């Protein structure tokens, strides 16, 4: 009886210890991080999404999925309640979509924002913010699957029409023509072989000619550069000659001074020289007359000129004749 009592006490103690351990684990494992609610509105399916699934904003973990249920006000629409960190930048332009993890394939919520409305929204339990849940890539593929299948079926029908009996014969004839053309092309290539071999030396000569032409063009370019340099030098010389105080200016001034000196010489000096020459000629004539008179009558130097003879006197030349000079008696 005592053993049973000890066993019962030990069992109760073990049960109490297990309950305490579970309670302690729940207590210490409780999420104490403050979060705010968001409601994701899905017009399509949410297959693969489970409660406690991760919620990320551009790859950063910001919360988890709380509950998933139908919208009582709109039949067919699904509401996904999530809890996110208060620092999550939720705006009127925020949207969500489902994505799958690479290894496990489990679905999670990816939040994003296009930035068109940067004003942040405040979400509370009484007035949560509603965020549209867009279809994921798989949903888009599933929606377009019917159109893809219809297009594939149409393509297969057109292929069957192309490959019917008459068209198969036409395709076979076309392939035969292509084969014949290929053989003709091969024969033509074989015939062109010697021609190509003869063309090779000609091409080498052409390349040499082109190279020589290029060298000639380069030489012509150098000559043009030399002519351009000579032209610039001549221009510099002519510009230097035409500068104020330059050689042309000095030559012009010198010619002006020479012209002024010539005009002054012609207007002033030459008349004086002419007058002086006239006076010299007159003086020479006078000296000549005096010398002739002295030669004819040396006594006239001492006694003066002999008076001219009158009418009836010897030596009178007569009326109308120039009297000859006479010496003193």
Protein backbone atom coordinates (compact mmCIF):
# COMPACT_ATOMS: atom_id res chain seq x y z
CA UNK A 1 0.00 0.00 0.00
CA UNK A 2 2.89 2.28 0.85
CA UNK A 3 4.62 1.44 -2.41
CA UNK A 4 1.53 2.41 -4.34
CA UNK A 5 1.38 5.73 -2.51
CA UNK A 6 5.01 6.45 -3.39
CA UNK A 7 4.38 5.49 -7.01
CA UNK A 8 1.30 7.75 -7.20
CA UNK A 9 3.20 10.65 -5.68
CA UNK A 10 6.10 10.11 -8.09
CA UNK A 11 3.69 10.01 -11.04
CA UNK A 12 1.93 13.18 -9.95
CA UNK A 13 5.27 14.88 -9.42
CA UNK A 14 6.46 13.85 -12.88
CA UNK A 15 3.21 15.06 -14.48
CA UNK A 16 3.43 18.37 -12.63
CA UNK A 17 7.06 18.73 -13.70
CA UNK A 18 6.14 18.11 -17.34
CA UNK A 19 3.30 20.64 -17.17
CA UNK A 20 5.64 23.18 -15.58
CA UNK A 21 8.26 22.56 -18.26
CA UNK A 22 5.68 23.04 -21.00
CA UNK A 23 4.38 26.23 -19.42
CA UNK A 24 7.94 27.53 -18.97
CA UNK A 25 8.71 26.73 -22.60
CA UNK A 26 5.60 28.54 -23.76
CA UNK A 27 6.44 31.48 -21.53
CA UNK A 28 10.03 31.82 -22.64
CA UNK A 29 9.20 31.05 -26.27
CA UNK A 30 6.52 33.69 -26.47
CA UNK A 31 7.18 36.42 -29.06
CA UNK A 32 7.49 39.64 -27.08
CA UNK A 33 8.13 41.83 -30.14
CA UNK A 34 5.42 44.40 -30.74
CA UNK A 35 3.76 44.00 -34.13
CA UNK A 36 1.01 45.74 -36.07
CA UNK A 37 -1.68 44.00 -38.14
CA UNK A 38 -2.05 44.12 -41.91
CA UNK A 39 -4.77 42.55 -44.02
CA UNK A 40 -3.76 41.16 -47.40
CA UNK A 41 -6.61 40.98 -49.92
CA UNK A 42 -6.32 38.14 -52.48
CA UNK A 43 -8.66 37.94 -55.47
CA UNK A 44 -7.17 34.60 -56.56
CA UNK A 45 -5.91 31.47 -54.85
CA UNK A 46 -3.34 31.27 -52.04
CA UNK A 47 -2.33 27.65 -52.47
CA UNK A 48 0.73 26.66 -50.44
CA UNK A 49 0.41 29.57 -47.99
CA UNK A 50 0.12 28.47 -44.34
CA UNK A 51 -0.21 30.28 -41.00
CA UNK A 52 3.13 31.27 -39.46
CA UNK A 53 4.58 31.68 -42.95
CA UNK A 54 7.24 34.35 -43.20
CA UNK A 55 6.49 37.90 -44.31
CA UNK A 56 9.35 39.84 -45.93
CA UNK A 57 9.72 43.38 -47.20
CA UNK A 58 12.14 43.39 -50.14
CA UNK A 59 13.89 40.33 -48.72
CA UNK A 60 13.98 41.45 -45.06
CA UNK A 61 11.96 39.45 -42.51
CA UNK A 62 9.37 41.79 -40.97
CA UNK A 63 6.64 39.43 -39.64
CA UNK A 64 4.58 36.31 -40.15
CA UNK A 65 1.16 35.17 -41.34
CA UNK A 66 -1.43 35.06 -38.56
CA UNK A 67 -4.67 33.68 -40.07
CA UNK A 68 -6.14 32.94 -43.50
CA UNK A 69 -9.87 33.12 -44.21
CA UNK A 70 -12.64 34.21 -46.56
CA UNK A 71 -13.99 37.75 -46.67
CA UNK A 72 -17.54 37.64 -45.27
CA UNK A 73 -18.46 40.80 -47.20
CA UNK A 74 -17.21 39.63 -50.61
CA UNK A 75 -17.68 36.05 -51.68
CA UNK A 76 -14.60 34.48 -53.25
CA UNK A 77 -12.14 37.01 -51.86
CA UNK A 78 -9.57 35.75 -49.34
CA UNK A 79 -8.20 37.79 -46.45
CA UNK A 80 -4.73 37.00 -45.09
CA UNK A 81 -4.06 38.57 -41.69
CA UNK A 82 -0.37 39.19 -41.03
CA UNK A 83 1.61 40.75 -38.19
CA UNK A 84 4.58 42.95 -39.12
CA UNK A 85 7.08 45.15 -37.29
CA UNK A 86 5.98 48.73 -36.59
CA UNK A 87 9.01 49.98 -38.54
CA UNK A 88 7.78 48.36 -41.75
CA UNK A 89 7.31 51.21 -44.31
CA UNK A 90 3.70 50.58 -45.32
CA UNK A 91 2.23 53.19 -47.71
CA UNK A 92 -0.75 53.42 -50.03
CA UNK A 93 1.54 52.13 -52.82
CA UNK A 94 2.56 48.96 -50.92
CA UNK A 95 1.56 45.65 -52.48
CA UNK A 96 2.18 41.97 -51.71
CA UNK A 97 2.63 38.76 -53.65
CA UNK A 98 3.26 35.11 -52.89
CA UNK A 99 6.70 33.59 -53.50
CA UNK A 100 8.25 30.17 -52.89
CA UNK A 101 11.40 29.35 -50.99
CA UNK A 102 14.06 27.74 -53.16
CA UNK A 103 14.74 24.57 -51.12
CA UNK A 104 11.49 23.69 -49.36
CA UNK A 105 9.08 25.24 -51.85
CA UNK A 106 7.01 26.69 -48.99
CA UNK A 107 5.12 29.86 -49.80
CA UNK A 108 5.80 33.17 -48.07
CA UNK A 109 4.61 36.74 -48.45
CA UNK A 110 6.83 39.31 -50.22
CA UNK A 111 5.96 42.98 -49.63
CA UNK A 112 7.12 45.73 -51.99
CA UNK A 113 6.48 49.40 -52.78
CA UNK A 114 6.70 51.25 -56.10
CA UNK A 115 7.38 54.57 -54.34
CA UNK A 116 4.57 56.49 -56.06
CA UNK A 117 2.94 57.41 -52.72
CA UNK A 118 5.64 57.81 -50.07
CA UNK A 119 3.29 58.85 -47.25
CA UNK A 120 3.31 56.13 -44.57
CA UNK A 121 0.07 54.64 -43.21
CA UNK A 122 -0.70 53.77 -39.59
CA UNK A 123 -2.29 50.35 -39.03
CA UNK A 124 -4.05 49.30 -35.81
CA UNK A 125 -6.11 46.31 -34.69
CA UNK A 126 -9.32 48.37 -34.98
CA UNK A 127 -8.41 49.94 -38.33
CA UNK A 128 -5.93 47.68 -40.15
CA UNK A 129 -4.39 48.67 -43.46
CA UNK A 130 -5.58 46.63 -46.46
CA UNK A 131 -2.84 45.66 -48.91
CA UNK A 132 -3.59 43.99 -52.29
CA UNK A 133 -2.11 40.51 -52.72
CA UNK A 134 -1.11 40.18 -56.37
CA UNK A 135 -0.80 36.82 -58.13
CA UNK A 136 2.62 35.20 -58.05
CA UNK A 137 4.58 34.03 -61.09
CA UNK A 138 3.03 30.55 -60.91
CA UNK A 139 -0.46 32.00 -60.79
CA UNK A 140 0.31 34.12 -63.85
CA UNK A 141 1.55 31.03 -65.66
CA UNK A 142 -1.57 29.09 -64.69
CA UNK A 143 -3.81 31.91 -65.91
CA UNK A 144 -2.00 32.08 -69.21
CA UNK A 145 -1.82 28.29 -69.53
CA UNK A 146 -5.17 28.08 -71.32
CA UNK A 147 -4.12 30.69 -73.88
CA UNK A 148 -0.78 28.93 -74.35
CA UNK A 149 -2.51 25.58 -74.90
CA UNK A 150 -4.95 27.15 -77.36
CA UNK A 151 -2.09 28.71 -79.31
CA UNK A 152 -0.19 25.42 -79.29
CA UNK A 153 -3.23 23.56 -80.57
CA UNK A 154 -3.65 26.11 -83.37
CA UNK A 155 0.02 25.79 -84.30
CA UNK A 156 -0.21 21.99 -84.42
CA UNK A 157 -3.25 22.27 -86.70
CA UNK A 158 -1.34 24.53 -89.08
CA UNK A 159 1.61 22.13 -89.05
CA UNK A 160 -0.74 19.27 -89.94
CA UNK A 161 -2.12 21.30 -92.85
CA UNK A 162 1.40 22.00 -94.09
CA UNK A 163 2.37 18.33 -93.85
CA UNK A 164 -0.63 16.90 -95.72
CA UNK A 165 -0.25 14.75 -98.87
CA UNK A 166 0.11 17.46 -101.54
CA UNK A 167 2.34 19.64 -99.40
CA UNK A 168 4.58 16.69 -98.54
CA UNK A 169 5.17 16.09 -102.27
CA UNK A 170 5.93 19.79 -102.79
CA UNK A 171 8.36 19.75 -99.87
CA UNK A 172 10.04 16.63 -101.27
CA UNK A 173 10.45 18.29 -104.68
CA UNK A 174 11.81 21.40 -103.02
CA UNK A 175 14.37 19.33 -101.13
CA UNK A 176 15.36 17.61 -104.38
CA UNK A 177 15.85 21.00 -106.03
CA UNK A 178 17.94 22.15 -103.10
CA UNK A 179 20.09 19.02 -103.37
CA UNK A 180 20.56 19.59 -107.11
CA UNK A 181 21.48 23.21 -106.50
CA UNK A 182 24.02 22.12 -103.88
CA UNK A 183 25.66 19.72 -106.34
CA UNK A 184 25.78 22.44 -109.00
CA UNK A 185 27.29 24.81 -106.50
CA UNK A 186 29.95 22.26 -105.61
CA UNK A 187 30.83 21.77 -109.29
CA UNK A 188 30.99 25.51 -109.79
CA UNK A 189 33.28 25.82 -106.78
CA UNK A 190 35.59 23.17 -108.24
CA UNK A 191 35.70 25.03 -111.55
CA UNK A 192 36.39 28.32 -109.84
CA UNK A 193 39.39 26.88 -107.98
CA UNK A 194 41.96 27.58 -110.76
CA UNK A 195 40.44 31.00 -111.36
CA UNK A 196 40.81 31.85 -107.69
CA UNK A 197 44.41 30.61 -107.79
CA UNK A 198 45.12 32.99 -110.70
CA UNK A 199 43.39 35.84 -108.93
CA UNK A 200 45.68 35.55 -105.89
CA UNK A 201 48.80 37.07 -107.62
CA UNK A 202 46.61 39.78 -109.11
CA UNK A 203 45.29 40.60 -105.65
CA UNK A 204 48.86 40.83 -104.35
CA UNK A 205 49.71 43.28 -107.14
CA UNK A 206 46.56 45.22 -106.34
CA UNK A 207 47.57 45.39 -102.67
CA UNK A 208 51.04 46.63 -103.68
CA UNK A 209 49.46 49.25 -105.94
CA UNK A 210 47.13 50.33 -103.16
CA UNK A 211 50.10 50.55 -100.77
CA UNK A 212 52.03 52.67 -103.29
CA UNK A 213 48.99 54.86 -103.80
CA UNK A 214 48.74 55.25 -100.04
CA UNK A 215 52.41 56.24 -99.87
CA UNK A 216 51.90 58.72 -102.70
CA UNK A 217 48.90 60.14 -100.90
CA UNK A 218 50.99 60.45 -97.74
CA UNK A 219 53.75 62.24 -99.71
CA UNK A 220 51.15 64.52 -101.27
CA UNK A 221 49.82 65.24 -97.82
CA UNK A 222 53.35 66.09 -96.62
CA UNK A 223 53.84 68.37 -99.65
CA UNK A 224 50.53 70.05 -98.91
CA UNK A 225 51.69 70.56 -95.33
CA UNK A 226 54.97 72.09 -96.56
CA UNK A 227 53.08 74.41 -98.93
CA UNK A 228 50.77 75.38 -96.10
CA UNK A 229 53.77 76.11 -93.86
CA UNK A 230 55.39 78.20 -96.66
CA UNK A 231 52.12 80.07 -97.15
CA UNK A 232 51.97 80.82 -93.45
CA UNK A 233 55.59 82.05 -93.54
CA UNK A 234 54.87 84.32 -96.53
CA UNK A 235 51.79 85.63 -94.79
CA UNK A 236 53.81 86.35 -91.67
CA UNK A 237 56.42 88.20 -93.78
CA UNK A 238 53.76 90.23 -95.62
CA UNK A 239 52.01 90.97 -92.34
CA UNK A 240 55.36 92.10 -90.90
CA UNK A 241 55.99 94.33 -93.93
CA UNK A 242 52.53 95.89 -93.63
CA UNK A 243 52.81 96.60 -89.89
CA UNK A 244 52.99 100.27 -88.77
CA UNK A 245 56.68 101.21 -88.63
CA UNK A 246 57.59 98.21 -90.80
CA UNK A 247 59.72 98.19 -93.94
CA UNK A 248 56.84 99.18 -96.24
CA UNK A 249 55.84 102.00 -93.92
CA UNK A 250 59.43 103.24 -93.69
CA UNK A 251 59.88 102.98 -97.48
CA UNK A 252 56.67 104.95 -97.98
CA UNK A 253 57.89 107.66 -95.62
CA UNK A 254 61.31 107.75 -97.35
CA UNK A 255 59.68 108.12 -100.78
CA UNK A 256 57.50 110.91 -99.42
CA UNK A 257 60.56 112.71 -98.03
CA UNK A 258 62.43 112.24 -101.35
CA UNK A 259 59.42 113.59 -103.24
CA UNK A 260 59.27 116.60 -100.91
CA UNK A 261 63.05 117.20 -101.34
CA UNK A 262 62.74 116.90 -105.15
CA UNK A 263 59.84 119.33 -105.24
CA UNK A 264 61.77 121.75 -103.06
CA UNK A 265 64.85 121.35 -105.26
CA UNK A 266 62.80 122.00 -108.40
CA UNK A 267 60.95 124.96 -106.92
CA UNK A 268 63.70 126.76 -104.99
CA UNK A 269 67.22 125.48 -105.52
CA UNK A 270 67.20 125.00 -109.31
CA UNK A 271 65.92 128.56 -110.07
CA UNK A 272 68.69 129.96 -107.90
CA UNK A 273 71.25 127.77 -109.67
CA UNK A 274 69.87 129.00 -113.05
CA UNK A 275 70.15 132.65 -111.95
CA UNK A 276 73.66 132.02 -110.68
CA UNK A 277 74.59 130.41 -113.99
CA UNK A 278 73.15 133.41 -115.91
CA UNK A 279 75.08 135.86 -113.77
CA UNK A 280 78.23 133.76 -114.23
CA UNK A 281 77.73 133.80 -118.01
CA UNK A 282 77.30 137.58 -117.96
CA UNK A 283 80.40 137.99 -115.82
CA UNK A 284 82.35 135.73 -118.16
CA UNK A 285 81.20 137.84 -121.16
CA UNK A 286 82.28 141.01 -119.42
CA UNK A 287 85.63 139.51 -118.51
CA UNK A 288 86.05 138.32 -122.09
CA UNK A 289 85.32 141.82 -123.44
CA UNK A 290 87.71 143.35 -120.97
CA UNK A 291 90.40 140.86 -121.93
CA UNK A 292 89.83 141.55 -125.61
CA UNK A 293 90.04 145.29 -125.01
CA UNK A 294 93.27 144.88 -123.09
CA UNK A 295 94.59 142.68 -125.84
CA UNK A 296 93.78 145.28 -128.50
CA UNK A 297 95.11 148.25 -126.52
CA UNK A 298 97.32 147.39 -123.56
CA UNK A 299 97.81 151.14 -122.89
CA UNK A 300 94.18 151.40 -121.97
CA UNK A 301 95.03 149.72 -118.69
CA UNK A 302 97.06 152.79 -117.67
CA UNK A 303 95.50 155.64 -119.65
CA UNK A 304 91.95 154.45 -120.26
CA UNK A 305 90.13 153.97 -123.54
CA UNK A 306 90.97 156.13 -126.62
CA UNK A 307 88.08 158.40 -127.63
CA UNK A 308 86.18 157.34 -130.71
CA UNK A 309 87.24 159.32 -133.91
CA UNK A 310 84.71 161.73 -135.19
CA UNK A 311 83.62 162.48 -138.73
CA UNK A 312 86.59 163.37 -140.87
CA UNK A 313 89.08 161.90 -138.42
CA UNK A 314 91.09 158.85 -139.26
CA UNK A 315 89.50 155.66 -138.15
CA UNK A 316 85.96 157.05 -138.29
CA UNK A 317 83.87 154.03 -139.27
CA UNK A 318 81.13 156.05 -140.70
CA UNK A 319 77.56 156.50 -139.80
CA UNK A 320 75.59 153.32 -139.03
CA UNK A 321 78.68 151.25 -138.16
CA UNK A 322 79.77 150.12 -134.75
CA UNK A 323 82.80 152.07 -133.76
CA UNK A 324 85.89 149.97 -133.12
CA UNK A 325 87.69 150.55 -129.88
CA UNK A 326 90.80 152.64 -130.13
CA UNK A 327 93.80 153.05 -128.00
CA UNK A 328 95.25 156.31 -126.55
CA UNK A 329 97.20 158.55 -128.73
